[in-house]
Protein backbone atom coordinates (compact mmCIF):
# COMPACT_ATOMS: atom_id res chain seq x y z
CA MET A 1 -11.70 8.47 -6.18
CA ILE A 2 -9.54 11.46 -6.29
CA THR A 3 -7.10 9.95 -3.88
CA SER A 4 -6.82 6.92 -6.13
CA VAL A 5 -6.09 8.90 -9.17
CA LEU A 6 -3.51 11.21 -7.41
CA SER A 7 -1.87 8.00 -5.99
CA ILE A 8 -1.26 6.68 -9.57
CA PHE A 9 0.14 9.87 -10.86
CA ILE A 10 2.44 10.37 -7.95
CA SER A 11 3.61 6.79 -8.18
CA LEU A 12 4.29 7.15 -11.77
CA TYR A 13 6.30 10.29 -10.96
CA LEU A 14 8.27 8.55 -8.19
CA PHE A 15 9.12 5.69 -10.57
CA GLU A 16 10.67 8.18 -12.95
CA LEU A 17 9.01 7.19 -15.93
CA GLY A 18 10.03 10.48 -17.54
CA ASP A 19 7.79 10.66 -20.59
CA PRO A 20 3.98 11.15 -20.39
CA ALA A 21 2.57 7.87 -19.01
CA HIS A 22 0.28 7.20 -21.88
CA LYS A 23 3.15 6.99 -24.20
CA LEU A 24 5.30 4.63 -22.11
CA LEU A 25 2.60 2.24 -20.98
CA LYS A 26 1.64 -0.57 -23.16
CA ASP A 27 -2.14 -1.26 -23.81
CA ARG A 28 -1.97 -4.09 -21.34
CA GLU A 29 -0.30 -1.93 -18.74
CA ILE A 30 -2.85 0.86 -19.13
CA GLN A 31 -5.60 -1.80 -18.54
CA LEU A 32 -4.02 -2.93 -15.31
CA VAL A 33 -3.86 0.79 -14.07
CA VAL A 34 -7.39 1.15 -14.88
CA HIS A 35 -8.25 -2.12 -13.19
CA GLU A 36 -6.49 -0.98 -10.08
CA VAL A 37 -8.43 2.29 -10.03
CA LEU A 38 -11.75 0.36 -10.40
CA VAL A 39 -10.64 -1.87 -7.54
CA LEU A 40 -9.93 1.20 -5.39
CA CYS A 41 -13.34 2.70 -6.19
CA PHE A 42 -14.87 -0.57 -4.63
CA GLY A 43 -13.16 -0.05 -1.28
CA TYR A 44 -9.65 -1.53 -1.64
CA LYS A 45 -6.40 0.27 -0.88
CA ILE A 46 -3.22 0.46 -2.97
CA ARG A 47 0.33 1.06 -2.00
CA PHE A 48 3.01 2.51 -4.13
CA PHE A 49 5.04 -0.70 -4.40
CA GLN A 50 1.97 -2.60 -5.55
CA LEU A 51 1.37 -0.16 -8.37
CA ARG A 52 5.14 -0.50 -9.22
CA GLN A 53 5.02 -4.23 -9.17
CA MET A 54 1.86 -4.14 -11.13
CA ILE A 55 3.25 -2.05 -13.96
CA GLY A 56 6.58 -3.82 -13.82
CA ASP A 57 9.91 -2.89 -15.25
CA ARG A 58 9.21 -1.03 -18.53
CA ARG A 59 12.63 -1.75 -19.60
CA SER A 60 12.40 -5.41 -19.34
CA GLY A 61 8.91 -5.42 -20.59
CA HIS A 62 7.63 -7.57 -17.55
CA VAL A 63 4.19 -6.72 -16.17
CA GLU A 64 3.00 -8.23 -13.06
CA VAL A 65 -0.68 -9.16 -13.30
CA PRO A 66 -3.10 -8.15 -10.28
CA GLY A 67 -3.73 -11.07 -7.99
CA ASP A 68 -0.13 -12.51 -8.42
CA HIS A 69 1.81 -12.79 -5.28
CA ILE A 70 3.09 -9.85 -3.55
CA ASN A 71 6.56 -10.00 -2.07
CA PRO A 72 6.72 -9.44 1.59
CA MET A 73 10.15 -7.97 1.24
CA ARG A 74 8.49 -4.83 0.23
CA GLY A 75 6.41 -4.65 3.27
CA SER A 76 3.06 -6.07 2.07
CA ARG A 77 0.78 -8.40 4.19
CA TYR A 78 -1.01 -11.40 3.21
CA PHE A 79 -4.66 -11.15 3.86
CA GLU A 80 -5.19 -14.85 4.41
CA LEU A 81 -2.76 -14.78 7.40
CA ASP A 82 -4.37 -11.68 8.90
CA ALA A 83 -7.90 -13.29 8.36
CA ALA A 84 -6.79 -16.50 10.07
CA ARG A 85 -5.30 -14.55 13.07
CA GLY A 86 -8.62 -12.60 13.33
CA ILE A 87 -10.56 -15.76 13.43
CA ALA A 88 -8.31 -17.23 16.18
CA LEU A 89 -8.66 -13.97 18.13
CA LEU A 90 -12.38 -13.97 17.81
CA LEU A 91 -12.56 -17.55 19.05
CA MET A 92 -10.29 -16.73 22.11
CA ILE A 93 -12.74 -13.68 22.85
CA ILE A 94 -15.75 -16.03 22.72
CA TYR A 95 -14.06 -18.36 25.01
CA HIS A 96 -13.01 -15.72 27.40
CA ILE A 97 -16.66 -14.44 27.45
CA LEU A 98 -17.82 -17.92 28.44
CA PHE A 99 -14.97 -18.28 31.08
CA CYS A 100 -16.01 -14.94 32.58
CA LEU A 101 -19.61 -15.93 32.82
CA TYR A 102 -18.66 -19.13 34.50
CA PHE A 103 -16.01 -17.42 36.80
CA PHE A 104 -18.58 -14.92 38.16
CA GLY A 105 -21.07 -17.66 38.76
CA THR A 106 -23.87 -16.09 36.48
CA GLY A 107 -25.35 -19.57 35.83
CA LEU A 108 -25.99 -18.32 32.10
CA VAL A 109 -23.72 -21.05 30.75
CA PRO A 110 -24.32 -24.15 32.77
CA TRP A 111 -22.92 -26.33 30.08
CA PHE A 112 -19.54 -24.62 30.22
CA ASP A 113 -16.80 -26.01 32.29
CA PRO A 114 -13.25 -24.66 31.54
CA PHE A 115 -11.90 -28.10 33.24
CA THR A 116 -13.87 -30.02 30.45
CA ILE A 117 -13.93 -27.48 27.69
CA SER A 118 -10.51 -26.36 27.12
CA GLY A 119 -9.17 -23.42 25.21
CA ALA A 120 -6.06 -25.09 24.28
CA PRO A 121 -7.17 -25.73 20.51
CA ILE A 122 -7.72 -22.06 20.08
CA ALA A 123 -4.38 -21.16 21.65
CA PHE A 124 -2.79 -23.71 19.46
CA LEU A 125 -4.26 -22.13 16.34
CA PHE A 126 -3.21 -18.61 17.75
CA VAL A 127 0.40 -19.76 18.24
CA VAL A 128 0.90 -21.66 15.13
CA ILE A 129 -0.18 -18.45 13.13
CA ALA A 130 2.42 -16.59 15.26
CA GLY A 131 5.13 -18.87 14.22
CA VAL A 132 4.15 -18.50 10.53
CA SER A 133 4.16 -14.70 10.95
CA LEU A 134 7.85 -14.83 12.34
CA VAL A 135 9.02 -16.28 8.98
CA LEU A 136 7.26 -13.45 6.99
CA SER A 137 8.45 -10.77 9.41
CA ALA A 138 12.11 -11.90 9.13
CA GLY A 139 11.69 -12.40 5.28
CA ARG A 140 11.09 -8.63 4.94
CA GLU A 141 14.60 -7.82 5.94
CA LYS A 142 17.39 -8.42 3.55
CA SER A 143 20.18 -8.58 6.10
CA PRO A 144 20.07 -11.49 8.72
CA VAL A 145 21.52 -9.14 11.28
CA ARG A 146 18.55 -6.82 10.82
CA SER A 147 16.10 -9.77 10.90
CA ALA A 148 17.51 -10.99 14.01
CA LYS A 149 17.54 -7.32 15.51
CA LYS A 150 13.85 -6.94 14.50
CA LEU A 151 12.78 -10.18 16.18
CA PHE A 152 14.73 -9.63 19.31
CA PHE A 153 13.15 -6.25 20.03
CA ARG A 154 9.76 -7.53 18.92
CA GLY A 155 10.14 -10.09 21.68
CA LEU A 156 11.12 -7.52 24.14
CA TYR A 157 8.05 -5.45 23.13
CA LEU A 158 5.63 -8.46 23.67
CA LEU A 159 7.50 -9.10 27.11
CA PHE A 160 6.89 -5.59 28.25
CA PHE A 161 3.09 -5.99 27.81
CA ALA A 162 3.18 -9.30 29.35
CA ALA A 163 4.82 -7.86 32.41
CA VAL A 164 1.94 -5.31 32.48
CA ILE A 165 -0.50 -8.33 32.48
CA THR A 166 1.53 -9.92 35.41
CA ILE A 167 1.17 -6.67 37.37
CA VAL A 168 -2.41 -6.20 36.70
CA THR A 169 -3.55 -9.76 37.54
CA TRP A 170 -1.19 -9.68 40.63
CA LEU A 171 -3.07 -6.57 41.87
CA VAL A 172 -6.60 -7.93 40.98
CA TYR A 173 -6.24 -11.67 41.45
CA PRO A 174 -2.99 -12.23 43.49
CA ALA A 175 -3.84 -15.84 44.09
CA GLU A 176 -4.04 -16.52 40.34
CA THR A 177 -1.42 -14.11 38.97
CA VAL A 178 -0.51 -14.69 35.34
CA VAL A 179 3.25 -15.34 35.63
CA PHE A 180 3.72 -16.93 32.06
CA GLY A 181 0.67 -16.53 29.83
CA ILE A 182 0.37 -16.50 26.05
CA LEU A 183 2.14 -13.07 25.80
CA HIS A 184 5.09 -14.18 27.90
CA LEU A 185 5.33 -17.38 25.64
CA LEU A 186 5.14 -15.42 22.45
CA GLY A 187 7.84 -12.89 23.74
CA VAL A 188 10.31 -15.33 24.65
CA ALA A 189 9.51 -17.69 21.65
CA THR A 190 10.12 -14.91 19.39
CA ILE A 191 13.69 -14.48 20.69
CA LEU A 192 14.26 -18.00 20.84
CA SER A 193 13.06 -18.74 17.26
CA ILE A 194 15.64 -16.30 15.91
CA PRO A 195 18.18 -19.07 14.79
CA PHE A 196 15.33 -21.08 13.12
CA VAL A 197 14.01 -18.04 11.15
CA VAL A 198 16.94 -15.91 10.48
CA MET A 199 19.26 -18.81 9.29
CA LYS A 200 16.49 -19.93 6.99
CA VAL A 201 16.93 -23.68 7.71
CA LYS A 202 14.89 -26.51 6.03
CA PRO A 203 11.29 -26.73 7.31
CA TYR A 204 12.15 -30.14 8.76
CA VAL A 205 14.54 -28.67 11.26
CA PRO A 206 12.02 -26.59 13.39
CA LEU A 207 9.49 -29.35 12.67
CA ILE A 208 11.71 -31.92 14.50
CA PHE A 209 12.73 -29.54 17.36
CA GLY A 210 8.94 -28.68 17.78
CA MET A 211 7.72 -32.15 18.05
CA ILE A 212 10.49 -33.00 20.44
CA CYS A 213 9.55 -29.99 22.57
CA ILE A 214 5.82 -31.22 22.48
CA ALA A 215 6.71 -34.80 23.23
CA LEU A 216 8.57 -33.81 26.34
CA SER A 217 5.48 -32.11 27.73
CA PRO A 218 3.84 -35.30 29.55
CA ILE A 219 7.08 -35.87 31.41
CA VAL A 220 7.86 -32.16 32.34
CA SER A 221 4.44 -31.55 33.53
CA LEU A 222 4.88 -34.22 36.11
CA LEU A 223 8.06 -32.58 37.62
CA ARG A 224 7.94 -30.06 40.52
CA GLY A 225 10.57 -27.46 41.27
CA PRO A 226 11.05 -23.84 42.28
CA ALA A 227 9.11 -20.93 40.91
CA PHE A 228 11.89 -19.94 38.55
CA LEU A 229 11.20 -23.01 36.42
CA ILE A 230 7.63 -22.21 35.64
CA PRO A 231 8.42 -20.79 32.15
CA PHE A 232 9.60 -24.16 31.36
CA GLY A 233 6.50 -26.11 32.38
CA ILE A 234 7.84 -27.15 35.80
CA THR A 235 5.57 -26.02 38.65
CA TYR A 236 5.35 -26.42 42.33
CA ASN A 237 2.51 -27.81 44.34
CA GLY A 238 -0.46 -25.53 44.78
CA PHE A 239 0.38 -23.48 41.65
CA ALA A 240 -2.56 -21.57 40.29
CA THR A 241 -2.84 -19.06 37.45
CA LEU A 242 -5.40 -17.53 35.11
CA ASP A 243 -3.22 -18.23 32.12
CA TYR A 244 -0.33 -20.50 31.60
CA GLU A 245 1.38 -21.47 28.33
CA PRO A 246 4.91 -22.69 29.14
CA LEU A 247 7.75 -23.17 26.67
CA ILE A 248 7.32 -27.00 26.90
CA PRO A 249 5.27 -27.75 24.96
CA TRP A 250 4.12 -24.37 23.55
CA PHE A 251 7.51 -23.23 22.06
CA GLY A 252 7.17 -26.37 20.09
CA VAL A 253 3.89 -25.33 18.81
CA VAL A 254 5.63 -22.01 17.65
CA LEU A 255 8.25 -24.03 15.86
CA LEU A 256 5.53 -26.03 14.09
CA GLY A 257 4.33 -22.59 12.80
CA VAL A 258 7.77 -21.66 11.73
CA ALA A 259 8.03 -24.96 9.88
CA LEU A 260 4.61 -24.41 8.18
CA GLY A 261 5.63 -20.80 7.27
CA SER A 262 8.93 -21.83 5.81
CA PHE A 263 6.97 -24.26 3.67
CA ILE A 264 3.99 -22.28 2.39
CA TYR A 265 5.84 -19.02 2.15
CA LYS A 266 9.15 -20.07 0.94
CA ASP A 267 11.46 -17.17 0.13
CA GLY A 268 8.53 -14.87 1.26
CA VAL A 269 6.06 -15.83 -1.44
CA ARG A 270 2.92 -18.04 -1.52
CA HIS A 271 3.49 -21.58 -2.69
CA GLY A 272 1.06 -24.50 -3.24
CA LEU A 273 -2.54 -23.80 -3.15
CA LEU A 274 -1.91 -20.37 -1.73
CA THR A 275 -0.65 -19.27 -5.16
CA ARG A 276 -4.37 -19.34 -6.28
CA LEU A 277 -5.30 -16.71 -3.82
CA GLY A 278 -5.78 -13.22 -5.44
CA GLU A 279 -6.96 -10.10 -3.89
CA MET A 280 -8.71 -10.01 -0.55
CA PRO A 281 -12.34 -10.82 -0.71
CA ARG A 282 -14.61 -8.16 0.69
CA PHE A 283 -16.05 -10.39 3.36
CA CYS A 284 -12.53 -10.82 4.79
CA GLY A 285 -12.08 -7.03 5.48
CA PRO A 286 -13.31 -7.06 9.20
CA LEU A 287 -11.39 -10.25 9.92
CA CYS A 288 -8.23 -8.84 8.40
CA PHE A 289 -8.71 -5.60 10.48
CA ILE A 290 -8.93 -7.64 13.61
CA GLY A 291 -5.97 -9.66 12.57
CA ARG A 292 -3.85 -6.58 11.98
CA HIS A 293 -4.63 -5.24 15.59
CA THR A 294 -4.45 -8.46 17.56
CA LEU A 295 -2.11 -7.01 20.36
CA ILE A 296 -4.22 -4.16 21.30
CA ILE A 297 -7.56 -6.11 21.04
CA TYR A 298 -5.91 -8.98 23.20
CA LEU A 299 -4.87 -6.50 25.87
CA VAL A 300 -8.22 -4.81 26.20
CA HIS A 301 -10.93 -7.55 25.49
CA VAL A 302 -10.76 -9.19 28.89
CA PRO A 303 -11.00 -5.85 30.82
CA VAL A 304 -13.84 -4.93 28.52
CA ILE A 305 -15.69 -8.16 29.04
CA ILE A 306 -15.46 -7.81 32.78
CA GLY A 307 -16.54 -4.12 32.75
CA VAL A 308 -19.60 -5.08 30.55
CA LEU A 309 -20.55 -7.87 32.96
CA VAL A 310 -20.05 -5.75 36.06
CA LEU A 311 -22.29 -2.90 34.57
CA LEU A 312 -25.05 -5.48 33.81
CA GLY A 313 -24.79 -6.74 37.42
CA LEU A 314 -23.51 -10.10 36.30
CA GLY A 315 -20.16 -9.85 37.95
CA THR A 316 -18.23 -8.06 40.68
CA LEU A 317 -14.69 -6.99 40.89
């Protein structure tokens, strides 16, 4: 509570309101501030830019009502996207638990067979959300050059951890080394998607390219070639890996997410039914937390699952 009150007074000072706040703020504005304090008391957080947007520009008399859209240009996050990402990651964790139980031959999941129960739908959801996130991430930067630079280094960042996964799987399971898994895909796709995101093309452009990329998959998957073509979906006879999401068709799925993000978050704000969303519901808190920390959770969840199974005597390294 004390932190909440202090944040408000500090914000008022930073906004250079000058005169005492109670003389400058209209009755409606005071009500909004009180509303935000009450929200804080029930466990929500506030940022300075949210308060500034809520109070509005006193010179123009505009006041933003709590629950209205928050512009990502100011660094905010949309809870529905974090929650969706959290759901996708939880589904992926559940699938990997089942896969590890099957892989170690525990017999606890006789109904599960990765050859018949595919994790592709979960990966599809995860990758589409990643594509939507690229649109919002680029939208937070006013300069196209800065947007491109941001996405480029984010791609390299993901590729670094992808390389770690390749090295670890090569050391532990050399016969099924992950050479182009989902992190490799997201790293490369983040860089390749820069023209579609930074240039702010119409949604149908990434949609068409994405559908073409997906449509080529049945043909490309039949081709065989040298190992350096593995990222494109062309493998060699006997190729085996624990995780494989090649650019064809999966870059097309990323582009579908970019197209969706360009439509529902046009100009960085909610559109359509999303405009009816207000503040984050309390029950979404855990999901949003997971969604905000997907990378670290993704990196550690498989080793944790394997470690727990080994400790329980259900698996061996």
